[in-house]
Amino acid sequence: LTQRFISLLKSCYKHTLDLNEAARTLNVQKRRIYDITNVLEGIGLIAKTSKNTVTWRHSSDPVFGPQVAGTPSLDNRMHERDPAFESRVDCAIIEVLEQVSVLILDEAGESAFFVSEDSLSNTSYLQWDALLAIRAPMGTTLEILDHQERLNLWLKSASGQIQLYVISLRERASK
C-alpha cells in the first residue's frame, strides 16, 4: 500500500496529492492513508502543504538537505523498487503504529496526553477559525465534509459518550 501511495503521489502534478483523492483512488480507508503519511513525513519523504494535501520532497529541497556523494537519492531509490528500502519503510510504519497503540491503550498514561491552549494558539500552521478537541471511545468514526466556505463534522460512536470541547474561536488574519 505504501508503494502504491508513493507511486500515486509521484504521478501527480507537482508531486502534490489530496489525501481524500488518494483514499478513493487506492480504495482504502482514509485512516490507512494517514498512517502512511505520518511515517513518510516522519522520515522526511513528504511534507504536509495543507490540511489534506501532501507533497513529495525532492532531494534538492533545502529542508531535506544535500545528498551524500555516491549515494542514490531517496527519489531514485523509490523508482528502483528497492525491496530492502520498502521493507524498512513498512517496518517503520508498523513500529510507529505499535508504539501509538501502546500509548493509547495505557490508561495510566492517559493524563499525560495534553497540549496547552497557549501552545496551540501560538502554532503558526493552525489557521482555523475554530479549534476543537474531541474525546471519544475506540471505534468512533469521524467524517469531515468540506463545503468550500464551511466544514461539517460528523462523529458517531456505538460504544460510548463523545466529548467535544471548543478550545478557541478566532478570526482569520485575512478578514
N, C-alpha and C. Protein backbone atom coordinates (compact mmCIF):
# COMPACT_ATOMS: atom_id res chain seq x y z
N LEU A 1 0.83 -1.19 0.00
CA LEU A 1 0.00 0.00 0.00
C LEU A 1 0.88 1.26 0.00
N THR A 2 1.94 1.24 0.80
CA THR A 2 2.86 2.38 0.83
C THR A 2 3.45 2.64 -0.54
N GLN A 3 3.83 1.59 -1.18
CA GLN A 3 4.43 1.69 -2.52
C GLN A 3 3.42 2.28 -3.51
N ARG A 4 2.19 1.82 -3.45
CA ARG A 4 1.14 2.33 -4.34
C ARG A 4 0.87 3.81 -4.05
N PHE A 5 0.87 4.17 -2.76
CA PHE A 5 0.65 5.56 -2.37
C PHE A 5 1.75 6.46 -2.94
N ILE A 6 3.00 6.04 -2.78
CA ILE A 6 4.12 6.84 -3.27
C ILE A 6 4.07 6.96 -4.79
N SER A 7 3.75 5.88 -5.47
CA SER A 7 3.63 5.93 -6.94
C SER A 7 2.54 6.92 -7.35
N LEU A 8 1.41 6.89 -6.65
CA LEU A 8 0.32 7.81 -6.95
C LEU A 8 0.77 9.25 -6.70
N LEU A 9 1.40 9.49 -5.58
CA LEU A 9 1.88 10.83 -5.23
C LEU A 9 2.84 11.37 -6.27
N LYS A 10 3.78 10.53 -6.68
CA LYS A 10 4.80 10.98 -7.63
C LYS A 10 4.26 11.12 -9.05
N SER A 11 3.09 10.55 -9.32
CA SER A 11 2.50 10.70 -10.65
C SER A 11 1.64 11.96 -10.75
N CYS A 12 1.38 12.60 -9.62
CA CYS A 12 0.53 13.79 -9.60
C CYS A 12 1.30 15.04 -10.04
N TYR A 13 0.55 16.02 -10.50
CA TYR A 13 1.11 17.30 -10.91
C TYR A 13 1.86 17.92 -9.73
N LYS A 14 3.09 18.30 -9.94
CA LYS A 14 3.96 18.90 -8.92
C LYS A 14 4.14 17.98 -7.71
N HIS A 15 3.93 16.68 -7.89
CA HIS A 15 4.09 15.70 -6.81
C HIS A 15 3.28 16.10 -5.57
N THR A 16 2.09 16.65 -5.79
CA THR A 16 1.20 17.07 -4.71
C THR A 16 -0.09 16.28 -4.81
N LEU A 17 -0.54 15.74 -3.67
CA LEU A 17 -1.68 14.83 -3.67
C LEU A 17 -2.67 15.19 -2.57
N ASP A 18 -3.95 15.18 -2.92
CA ASP A 18 -5.03 15.35 -1.96
C ASP A 18 -5.29 13.99 -1.31
N LEU A 19 -5.28 13.93 0.02
CA LEU A 19 -5.41 12.65 0.73
C LEU A 19 -6.78 12.02 0.55
N ASN A 20 -7.82 12.84 0.40
CA ASN A 20 -9.16 12.28 0.14
C ASN A 20 -9.17 11.55 -1.19
N GLU A 21 -8.55 12.16 -2.19
CA GLU A 21 -8.48 11.55 -3.52
C GLU A 21 -7.64 10.27 -3.47
N ALA A 22 -6.56 10.29 -2.69
CA ALA A 22 -5.71 9.10 -2.56
C ALA A 22 -6.50 7.94 -1.96
N ALA A 23 -7.29 8.21 -0.93
CA ALA A 23 -8.09 7.15 -0.30
C ALA A 23 -9.08 6.56 -1.30
N ARG A 24 -9.71 7.43 -2.10
CA ARG A 24 -10.65 6.94 -3.11
C ARG A 24 -9.93 6.15 -4.20
N THR A 25 -8.84 6.68 -4.70
CA THR A 25 -8.11 6.03 -5.80
C THR A 25 -7.56 4.67 -5.37
N LEU A 26 -7.00 4.61 -4.15
CA LEU A 26 -6.40 3.37 -3.67
C LEU A 26 -7.44 2.45 -3.03
N ASN A 27 -8.67 2.94 -2.89
CA ASN A 27 -9.78 2.16 -2.34
C ASN A 27 -9.46 1.64 -0.93
N VAL A 28 -9.00 2.57 -0.07
CA VAL A 28 -8.69 2.24 1.32
C VAL A 28 -9.31 3.30 2.23
N GLN A 29 -9.37 2.98 3.51
CA GLN A 29 -9.87 3.95 4.49
C GLN A 29 -8.87 5.09 4.60
N LYS A 30 -9.39 6.27 4.86
CA LYS A 30 -8.53 7.44 5.00
C LYS A 30 -7.54 7.26 6.15
N ARG A 31 -7.93 6.51 7.16
CA ARG A 31 -7.05 6.25 8.31
C ARG A 31 -5.75 5.57 7.86
N ARG A 32 -5.86 4.63 6.91
CA ARG A 32 -4.66 3.95 6.38
C ARG A 32 -3.75 4.94 5.67
N ILE A 33 -4.36 5.89 4.94
CA ILE A 33 -3.58 6.92 4.25
C ILE A 33 -2.85 7.78 5.28
N TYR A 34 -3.53 8.13 6.38
CA TYR A 34 -2.89 8.92 7.44
C TYR A 34 -1.73 8.15 8.07
N ASP A 35 -1.89 6.84 8.27
CA ASP A 35 -0.80 6.03 8.82
C ASP A 35 0.44 6.15 7.93
N ILE A 36 0.23 6.02 6.64
CA ILE A 36 1.34 6.09 5.69
C ILE A 36 1.96 7.48 5.69
N THR A 37 1.12 8.52 5.61
CA THR A 37 1.67 9.87 5.53
C THR A 37 2.40 10.27 6.81
N ASN A 38 1.93 9.82 7.97
CA ASN A 38 2.62 10.14 9.22
C ASN A 38 4.03 9.59 9.23
N VAL A 39 4.18 8.36 8.78
CA VAL A 39 5.52 7.75 8.76
C VAL A 39 6.39 8.40 7.70
N LEU A 40 5.85 8.58 6.49
CA LEU A 40 6.64 9.19 5.42
C LEU A 40 7.05 10.62 5.76
N GLU A 41 6.17 11.34 6.45
CA GLU A 41 6.53 12.69 6.89
C GLU A 41 7.60 12.62 7.97
N GLY A 42 7.48 11.64 8.85
CA GLY A 42 8.46 11.47 9.92
C GLY A 42 9.86 11.16 9.43
N ILE A 43 9.96 10.42 8.33
CA ILE A 43 11.29 10.09 7.80
C ILE A 43 11.72 11.05 6.69
N GLY A 44 10.93 12.10 6.48
CA GLY A 44 11.35 13.17 5.59
C GLY A 44 11.08 12.98 4.12
N LEU A 45 10.24 12.03 3.74
CA LEU A 45 9.97 11.81 2.32
C LEU A 45 8.87 12.71 1.78
N ILE A 46 7.94 13.13 2.65
CA ILE A 46 6.86 14.01 2.22
C ILE A 46 6.72 15.16 3.21
N ALA A 47 5.99 16.18 2.80
CA ALA A 47 5.68 17.31 3.68
C ALA A 47 4.21 17.66 3.49
N LYS A 48 3.54 18.01 4.60
CA LYS A 48 2.15 18.46 4.50
C LYS A 48 2.16 19.90 4.01
N THR A 49 1.35 20.17 2.99
CA THR A 49 1.26 21.53 2.47
C THR A 49 -0.04 22.21 2.90
N SER A 50 -1.03 21.42 3.29
CA SER A 50 -2.27 21.94 3.87
C SER A 50 -2.93 20.79 4.62
N LYS A 51 -4.15 21.02 5.08
CA LYS A 51 -4.84 20.05 5.93
C LYS A 51 -4.91 18.65 5.30
N ASN A 52 -5.26 18.55 4.04
CA ASN A 52 -5.42 17.25 3.39
C ASN A 52 -4.54 17.09 2.16
N THR A 53 -3.42 17.79 2.13
CA THR A 53 -2.55 17.74 0.96
C THR A 53 -1.11 17.50 1.38
N VAL A 54 -0.43 16.61 0.65
CA VAL A 54 0.99 16.35 0.90
C VAL A 54 1.77 16.50 -0.40
N THR A 55 3.06 16.77 -0.26
CA THR A 55 3.95 16.94 -1.40
C THR A 55 5.20 16.09 -1.19
N TRP A 56 5.65 15.46 -2.26
CA TRP A 56 6.89 14.69 -2.24
C TRP A 56 8.05 15.66 -2.10
N ARG A 57 8.99 15.36 -1.20
CA ARG A 57 10.16 16.22 -1.00
C ARG A 57 11.26 15.74 -1.93
N HIS A 58 11.75 16.64 -2.74
CA HIS A 58 12.83 16.31 -3.67
C HIS A 58 14.17 16.41 -2.96
N SER A 59 15.17 15.71 -3.48
CA SER A 59 16.49 15.75 -2.87
C SER A 59 17.09 17.15 -2.95
N SER A 60 16.59 18.00 -3.85
CA SER A 60 17.08 19.37 -3.95
C SER A 60 16.41 20.30 -2.94
N ASP A 61 15.43 19.80 -2.22
CA ASP A 61 14.72 20.59 -1.22
C ASP A 61 15.72 21.02 -0.14
N PRO A 62 15.83 22.33 0.17
CA PRO A 62 16.81 22.77 1.16
C PRO A 62 16.54 22.21 2.55
N VAL A 63 15.29 21.93 2.86
CA VAL A 63 14.97 21.34 4.17
C VAL A 63 15.43 19.89 4.22
N PHE A 64 15.31 19.21 3.07
CA PHE A 64 15.66 17.80 3.00
C PHE A 64 17.16 17.58 3.08
N GLY A 65 17.91 18.56 2.64
CA GLY A 65 19.36 18.50 2.75
C GLY A 65 20.03 17.93 1.53
N PRO A 66 21.34 18.19 1.40
CA PRO A 66 22.09 17.70 0.25
C PRO A 66 22.33 16.20 0.34
N GLN A 67 22.50 15.59 -0.80
CA GLN A 67 22.80 14.17 -0.85
C GLN A 67 24.28 13.94 -0.58
N VAL A 68 24.60 12.84 0.06
CA VAL A 68 25.99 12.45 0.26
C VAL A 68 26.52 11.93 -1.06
N ALA A 69 27.73 12.35 -1.43
CA ALA A 69 28.30 11.95 -2.71
C ALA A 69 28.36 10.43 -2.81
N GLY A 70 27.92 9.91 -3.94
CA GLY A 70 27.99 8.47 -4.19
C GLY A 70 26.79 7.69 -3.70
N THR A 71 25.86 8.33 -3.00
CA THR A 71 24.67 7.61 -2.54
C THR A 71 23.48 8.03 -3.40
N PRO A 72 22.65 7.08 -3.79
CA PRO A 72 21.49 7.44 -4.61
C PRO A 72 20.50 8.24 -3.79
N SER A 73 19.84 9.19 -4.42
CA SER A 73 18.83 9.98 -3.71
C SER A 73 17.66 9.07 -3.35
N LEU A 74 16.89 9.47 -2.35
CA LEU A 74 15.70 8.70 -1.99
C LEU A 74 14.73 8.67 -3.15
N ASP A 75 14.69 9.76 -3.91
CA ASP A 75 13.84 9.82 -5.09
C ASP A 75 14.18 8.69 -6.06
N ASN A 76 15.47 8.52 -6.35
CA ASN A 76 15.91 7.45 -7.26
C ASN A 76 15.68 6.08 -6.65
N ARG A 77 15.92 5.95 -5.36
CA ARG A 77 15.76 4.65 -4.71
C ARG A 77 14.32 4.18 -4.77
N MET A 78 13.37 5.09 -4.66
CA MET A 78 11.97 4.69 -4.73
C MET A 78 11.61 4.23 -6.14
N HIS A 79 12.21 4.85 -7.17
CA HIS A 79 11.94 4.43 -8.54
C HIS A 79 12.53 3.06 -8.83
N GLU A 80 13.62 2.72 -8.16
CA GLU A 80 14.29 1.45 -8.40
C GLU A 80 13.57 0.27 -7.76
N ARG A 81 12.57 0.54 -6.96
CA ARG A 81 11.83 -0.52 -6.26
C ARG A 81 12.78 -1.36 -5.42
N ASP A 82 13.48 -0.71 -4.56
CA ASP A 82 14.43 -1.35 -3.67
C ASP A 82 13.66 -2.09 -2.58
N PRO A 83 13.61 -3.43 -2.65
CA PRO A 83 12.83 -4.20 -1.67
C PRO A 83 13.31 -3.98 -0.23
N ALA A 84 14.61 -3.81 -0.05
CA ALA A 84 15.14 -3.60 1.31
C ALA A 84 14.63 -2.26 1.86
N PHE A 85 14.66 -1.23 1.03
CA PHE A 85 14.18 0.08 1.46
C PHE A 85 12.68 0.03 1.75
N GLU A 86 11.91 -0.60 0.86
CA GLU A 86 10.46 -0.73 1.06
C GLU A 86 10.17 -1.49 2.35
N SER A 87 10.96 -2.51 2.61
CA SER A 87 10.78 -3.29 3.83
C SER A 87 11.04 -2.44 5.07
N ARG A 88 12.08 -1.60 5.01
CA ARG A 88 12.39 -0.72 6.15
C ARG A 88 11.27 0.29 6.38
N VAL A 89 10.72 0.84 5.29
CA VAL A 89 9.61 1.78 5.43
C VAL A 89 8.39 1.08 6.02
N ASP A 90 8.08 -0.12 5.52
CA ASP A 90 6.95 -0.88 6.06
C ASP A 90 7.16 -1.20 7.54
N CYS A 91 8.38 -1.59 7.91
CA CYS A 91 8.69 -1.88 9.31
C CYS A 91 8.55 -0.62 10.17
N ALA A 92 8.98 0.52 9.63
CA ALA A 92 8.85 1.78 10.37
C ALA A 92 7.38 2.11 10.61
N ILE A 93 6.54 1.88 9.61
CA ILE A 93 5.10 2.13 9.76
C ILE A 93 4.53 1.23 10.86
N ILE A 94 4.87 -0.04 10.81
CA ILE A 94 4.37 -0.99 11.81
C ILE A 94 4.85 -0.61 13.20
N GLU A 95 6.12 -0.23 13.31
CA GLU A 95 6.68 0.14 14.62
C GLU A 95 5.99 1.37 15.19
N VAL A 96 5.77 2.37 14.37
CA VAL A 96 5.08 3.58 14.83
C VAL A 96 3.66 3.26 15.26
N LEU A 97 2.95 2.45 14.48
CA LEU A 97 1.58 2.07 14.84
C LEU A 97 1.54 1.32 16.16
N GLU A 98 2.51 0.42 16.37
CA GLU A 98 2.56 -0.33 17.63
C GLU A 98 2.83 0.60 18.80
N GLN A 99 3.76 1.55 18.63
CA GLN A 99 4.07 2.48 19.71
C GLN A 99 2.88 3.37 20.05
N VAL A 100 2.18 3.83 19.03
CA VAL A 100 0.99 4.65 19.26
C VAL A 100 -0.08 3.83 19.96
N SER A 101 -0.27 2.58 19.55
CA SER A 101 -1.27 1.72 20.19
C SER A 101 -0.95 1.51 21.67
N VAL A 102 0.31 1.28 21.99
CA VAL A 102 0.71 1.09 23.39
C VAL A 102 0.40 2.35 24.19
N LEU A 103 0.73 3.51 23.64
CA LEU A 103 0.46 4.77 24.35
C LEU A 103 -1.03 5.00 24.55
N ILE A 104 -1.80 4.73 23.53
CA ILE A 104 -3.25 4.97 23.60
C ILE A 104 -3.92 4.02 24.57
N LEU A 105 -3.49 2.77 24.58
CA LEU A 105 -4.14 1.77 25.43
C LEU A 105 -3.68 1.82 26.88
N ASP A 106 -2.62 2.55 27.18
CA ASP A 106 -2.10 2.65 28.54
C ASP A 106 -2.92 3.69 29.31
N GLU A 107 -3.87 3.22 30.11
CA GLU A 107 -4.76 4.12 30.84
C GLU A 107 -4.00 4.94 31.88
N ALA A 108 -2.90 4.40 32.41
CA ALA A 108 -2.12 5.13 33.41
C ALA A 108 -1.52 6.39 32.81
N GLY A 109 -1.19 6.35 31.53
CA GLY A 109 -0.58 7.50 30.88
C GLY A 109 -1.58 8.46 30.28
N GLU A 110 -2.87 8.17 30.45
CA GLU A 110 -3.91 8.98 29.82
C GLU A 110 -3.82 10.45 30.23
N SER A 111 -3.47 10.71 31.48
CA SER A 111 -3.42 12.10 31.94
C SER A 111 -2.24 12.86 31.33
N ALA A 112 -1.29 12.14 30.74
CA ALA A 112 -0.12 12.79 30.13
C ALA A 112 -0.40 13.30 28.73
N PHE A 113 -1.54 12.94 28.15
CA PHE A 113 -1.87 13.38 26.80
C PHE A 113 -2.57 14.73 26.84
N PHE A 114 -1.80 15.78 26.75
CA PHE A 114 -2.40 17.10 26.71
C PHE A 114 -1.47 18.06 25.98
N VAL A 115 -2.07 19.10 25.48
CA VAL A 115 -1.35 20.20 24.86
C VAL A 115 -1.99 21.46 25.40
N SER A 116 -1.19 22.40 25.84
CA SER A 116 -1.75 23.62 26.41
C SER A 116 -2.40 24.47 25.33
N GLU A 117 -3.39 25.26 25.74
CA GLU A 117 -4.06 26.15 24.79
C GLU A 117 -3.07 27.16 24.22
N ASP A 118 -2.14 27.64 25.04
CA ASP A 118 -1.13 28.58 24.55
C ASP A 118 -0.27 27.95 23.46
N SER A 119 0.11 26.69 23.64
CA SER A 119 0.92 26.01 22.62
C SER A 119 0.17 25.94 21.31
N LEU A 120 -1.12 25.64 21.39
CA LEU A 120 -1.92 25.55 20.17
C LEU A 120 -2.11 26.91 19.52
N SER A 121 -2.42 27.91 20.32
CA SER A 121 -2.70 29.22 19.73
C SER A 121 -1.44 29.89 19.19
N ASN A 122 -0.27 29.48 19.67
CA ASN A 122 0.99 30.06 19.18
C ASN A 122 1.59 29.27 18.03
N THR A 123 0.92 28.24 17.57
CA THR A 123 1.41 27.43 16.46
C THR A 123 0.95 28.07 15.16
N SER A 124 1.91 28.47 14.34
CA SER A 124 1.59 29.27 13.15
C SER A 124 0.77 28.51 12.11
N TYR A 125 0.93 27.20 12.00
CA TYR A 125 0.21 26.49 10.95
C TYR A 125 -1.22 26.12 11.34
N LEU A 126 -1.63 26.43 12.54
CA LEU A 126 -3.03 26.22 12.93
C LEU A 126 -3.80 27.50 12.62
N GLN A 127 -4.37 27.58 11.43
CA GLN A 127 -5.01 28.81 10.98
C GLN A 127 -6.52 28.65 10.85
N TRP A 128 -7.13 27.83 11.67
CA TRP A 128 -8.57 27.60 11.58
C TRP A 128 -9.33 28.68 12.32
N ASP A 129 -10.61 28.82 11.97
CA ASP A 129 -11.48 29.73 12.70
C ASP A 129 -11.81 29.15 14.07
N ALA A 130 -11.98 27.85 14.14
CA ALA A 130 -12.33 27.18 15.39
C ALA A 130 -11.36 26.04 15.64
N LEU A 131 -10.99 25.86 16.89
CA LEU A 131 -10.12 24.76 17.28
C LEU A 131 -10.91 23.90 18.26
N LEU A 132 -11.10 22.63 17.91
CA LEU A 132 -11.91 21.72 18.71
C LEU A 132 -11.05 20.57 19.22
N ALA A 133 -11.40 20.05 20.38
CA ALA A 133 -10.79 18.83 20.90
C ALA A 133 -11.90 17.80 21.06
N ILE A 134 -11.59 16.57 20.70
CA ILE A 134 -12.59 15.50 20.76
C ILE A 134 -12.03 14.37 21.61
N ARG A 135 -12.85 13.89 22.53
CA ARG A 135 -12.50 12.71 23.31
C ARG A 135 -13.61 11.70 23.06
N ALA A 136 -13.23 10.55 22.50
CA ALA A 136 -14.23 9.57 22.10
C ALA A 136 -13.68 8.17 22.30
N PRO A 137 -14.58 7.19 22.50
CA PRO A 137 -14.13 5.80 22.68
C PRO A 137 -13.59 5.20 21.39
N MET A 138 -12.83 4.11 21.53
CA MET A 138 -12.31 3.38 20.37
C MET A 138 -13.47 3.01 19.47
N GLY A 139 -13.24 3.05 18.18
CA GLY A 139 -14.25 2.67 17.22
C GLY A 139 -15.13 3.83 16.76
N THR A 140 -14.92 5.01 17.34
CA THR A 140 -15.69 6.17 16.92
C THR A 140 -15.29 6.56 15.51
N THR A 141 -16.28 6.89 14.70
CA THR A 141 -15.97 7.32 13.34
C THR A 141 -16.09 8.84 13.26
N LEU A 142 -15.19 9.42 12.49
CA LEU A 142 -15.15 10.86 12.28
C LEU A 142 -15.17 11.10 10.78
N GLU A 143 -16.08 11.94 10.34
CA GLU A 143 -16.14 12.29 8.92
C GLU A 143 -16.19 13.81 8.83
N ILE A 144 -15.33 14.35 7.98
CA ILE A 144 -15.30 15.80 7.77
C ILE A 144 -15.65 16.06 6.32
N LEU A 145 -16.71 16.82 6.12
CA LEU A 145 -17.15 17.17 4.77
C LEU A 145 -16.78 18.63 4.52
N ASP A 146 -16.05 18.87 3.45
CA ASP A 146 -15.58 20.21 3.12
C ASP A 146 -16.50 20.82 2.06
N HIS A 147 -17.25 21.83 2.46
CA HIS A 147 -18.16 22.52 1.55
C HIS A 147 -17.67 23.95 1.35
N GLN A 148 -16.60 24.14 0.65
CA GLN A 148 -15.96 25.42 0.33
C GLN A 148 -15.89 26.38 1.52
N GLU A 149 -16.97 26.99 1.91
CA GLU A 149 -16.95 28.02 2.95
C GLU A 149 -17.04 27.47 4.37
N ARG A 150 -17.57 26.24 4.53
CA ARG A 150 -17.70 25.70 5.88
C ARG A 150 -17.47 24.20 5.88
N LEU A 151 -17.08 23.71 7.04
CA LEU A 151 -16.85 22.28 7.22
C LEU A 151 -17.99 21.69 8.04
N ASN A 152 -18.37 20.48 7.71
CA ASN A 152 -19.31 19.73 8.53
C ASN A 152 -18.55 18.59 9.18
N LEU A 153 -18.73 18.45 10.47
CA LEU A 153 -18.05 17.43 11.25
C LEU A 153 -19.09 16.45 11.76
N TRP A 154 -18.91 15.15 11.46
CA TRP A 154 -19.83 14.10 11.90
C TRP A 154 -19.06 13.11 12.75
N LEU A 155 -19.54 12.88 13.97
CA LEU A 155 -18.96 11.89 14.88
C LEU A 155 -20.04 10.88 15.23
N LYS A 156 -19.65 9.60 15.26
CA LYS A 156 -20.62 8.55 15.61
C LYS A 156 -19.91 7.49 16.43
N SER A 157 -20.53 7.13 17.56
CA SER A 157 -19.98 6.10 18.42
C SER A 157 -21.09 5.17 18.88
N ALA A 158 -20.84 3.88 18.75
CA ALA A 158 -21.80 2.89 19.23
C ALA A 158 -21.41 2.40 20.62
N SER A 159 -20.22 2.81 21.09
CA SER A 159 -19.71 2.23 22.33
C SER A 159 -19.57 3.21 23.48
N GLY A 160 -20.08 4.41 23.36
CA GLY A 160 -19.98 5.31 24.50
C GLY A 160 -20.13 6.77 24.12
N GLN A 161 -19.91 7.61 25.12
CA GLN A 161 -20.12 9.04 25.01
C GLN A 161 -18.97 9.70 24.25
N ILE A 162 -19.30 10.72 23.48
CA ILE A 162 -18.32 11.54 22.77
C ILE A 162 -18.31 12.91 23.44
N GLN A 163 -17.12 13.40 23.77
CA GLN A 163 -17.00 14.73 24.36
C GLN A 163 -16.32 15.64 23.35
N LEU A 164 -16.89 16.81 23.12
CA LEU A 164 -16.36 17.79 22.18
C LEU A 164 -16.11 19.08 22.95
N TYR A 165 -14.90 19.60 22.85
CA TYR A 165 -14.53 20.82 23.55
C TYR A 165 -14.16 21.89 22.52
N VAL A 166 -14.74 23.07 22.66
CA VAL A 166 -14.35 24.20 21.83
C VAL A 166 -13.21 24.89 22.57
N ILE A 167 -12.01 24.81 21.98
CA ILE A 167 -10.84 25.39 22.63
C ILE A 167 -10.72 26.87 22.28
N SER A 168 -10.92 27.22 21.02
CA SER A 168 -10.86 28.64 20.66
C SER A 168 -11.65 28.90 19.39
N LEU A 169 -12.17 30.08 19.34
CA LEU A 169 -12.80 30.60 18.12
C LEU A 169 -12.06 31.90 17.83
N ARG A 170 -11.43 31.97 16.67
CA ARG A 170 -10.72 33.20 16.35
C ARG A 170 -10.92 33.56 14.90
N GLU A 171 -10.80 34.84 14.64
CA GLU A 171 -10.98 35.32 13.27
C GLU A 171 -9.67 35.15 12.52
N ARG A 172 -9.79 34.87 11.23
CA ARG A 172 -8.59 34.77 10.40
C ARG A 172 -7.98 36.15 10.22
N ALA A 173 -6.67 36.17 10.12
CA ALA A 173 -5.96 37.43 9.93
C ALA A 173 -6.31 38.08 8.60
N SER A 174 -6.74 37.28 7.63
CA SER A 174 -7.03 37.81 6.30
C SER A 174 -8.39 38.51 6.20
N LYS A 175 -9.23 38.40 7.22
CA LYS A 175 -10.57 39.02 7.17
C LYS A 175 -10.48 40.50 7.44
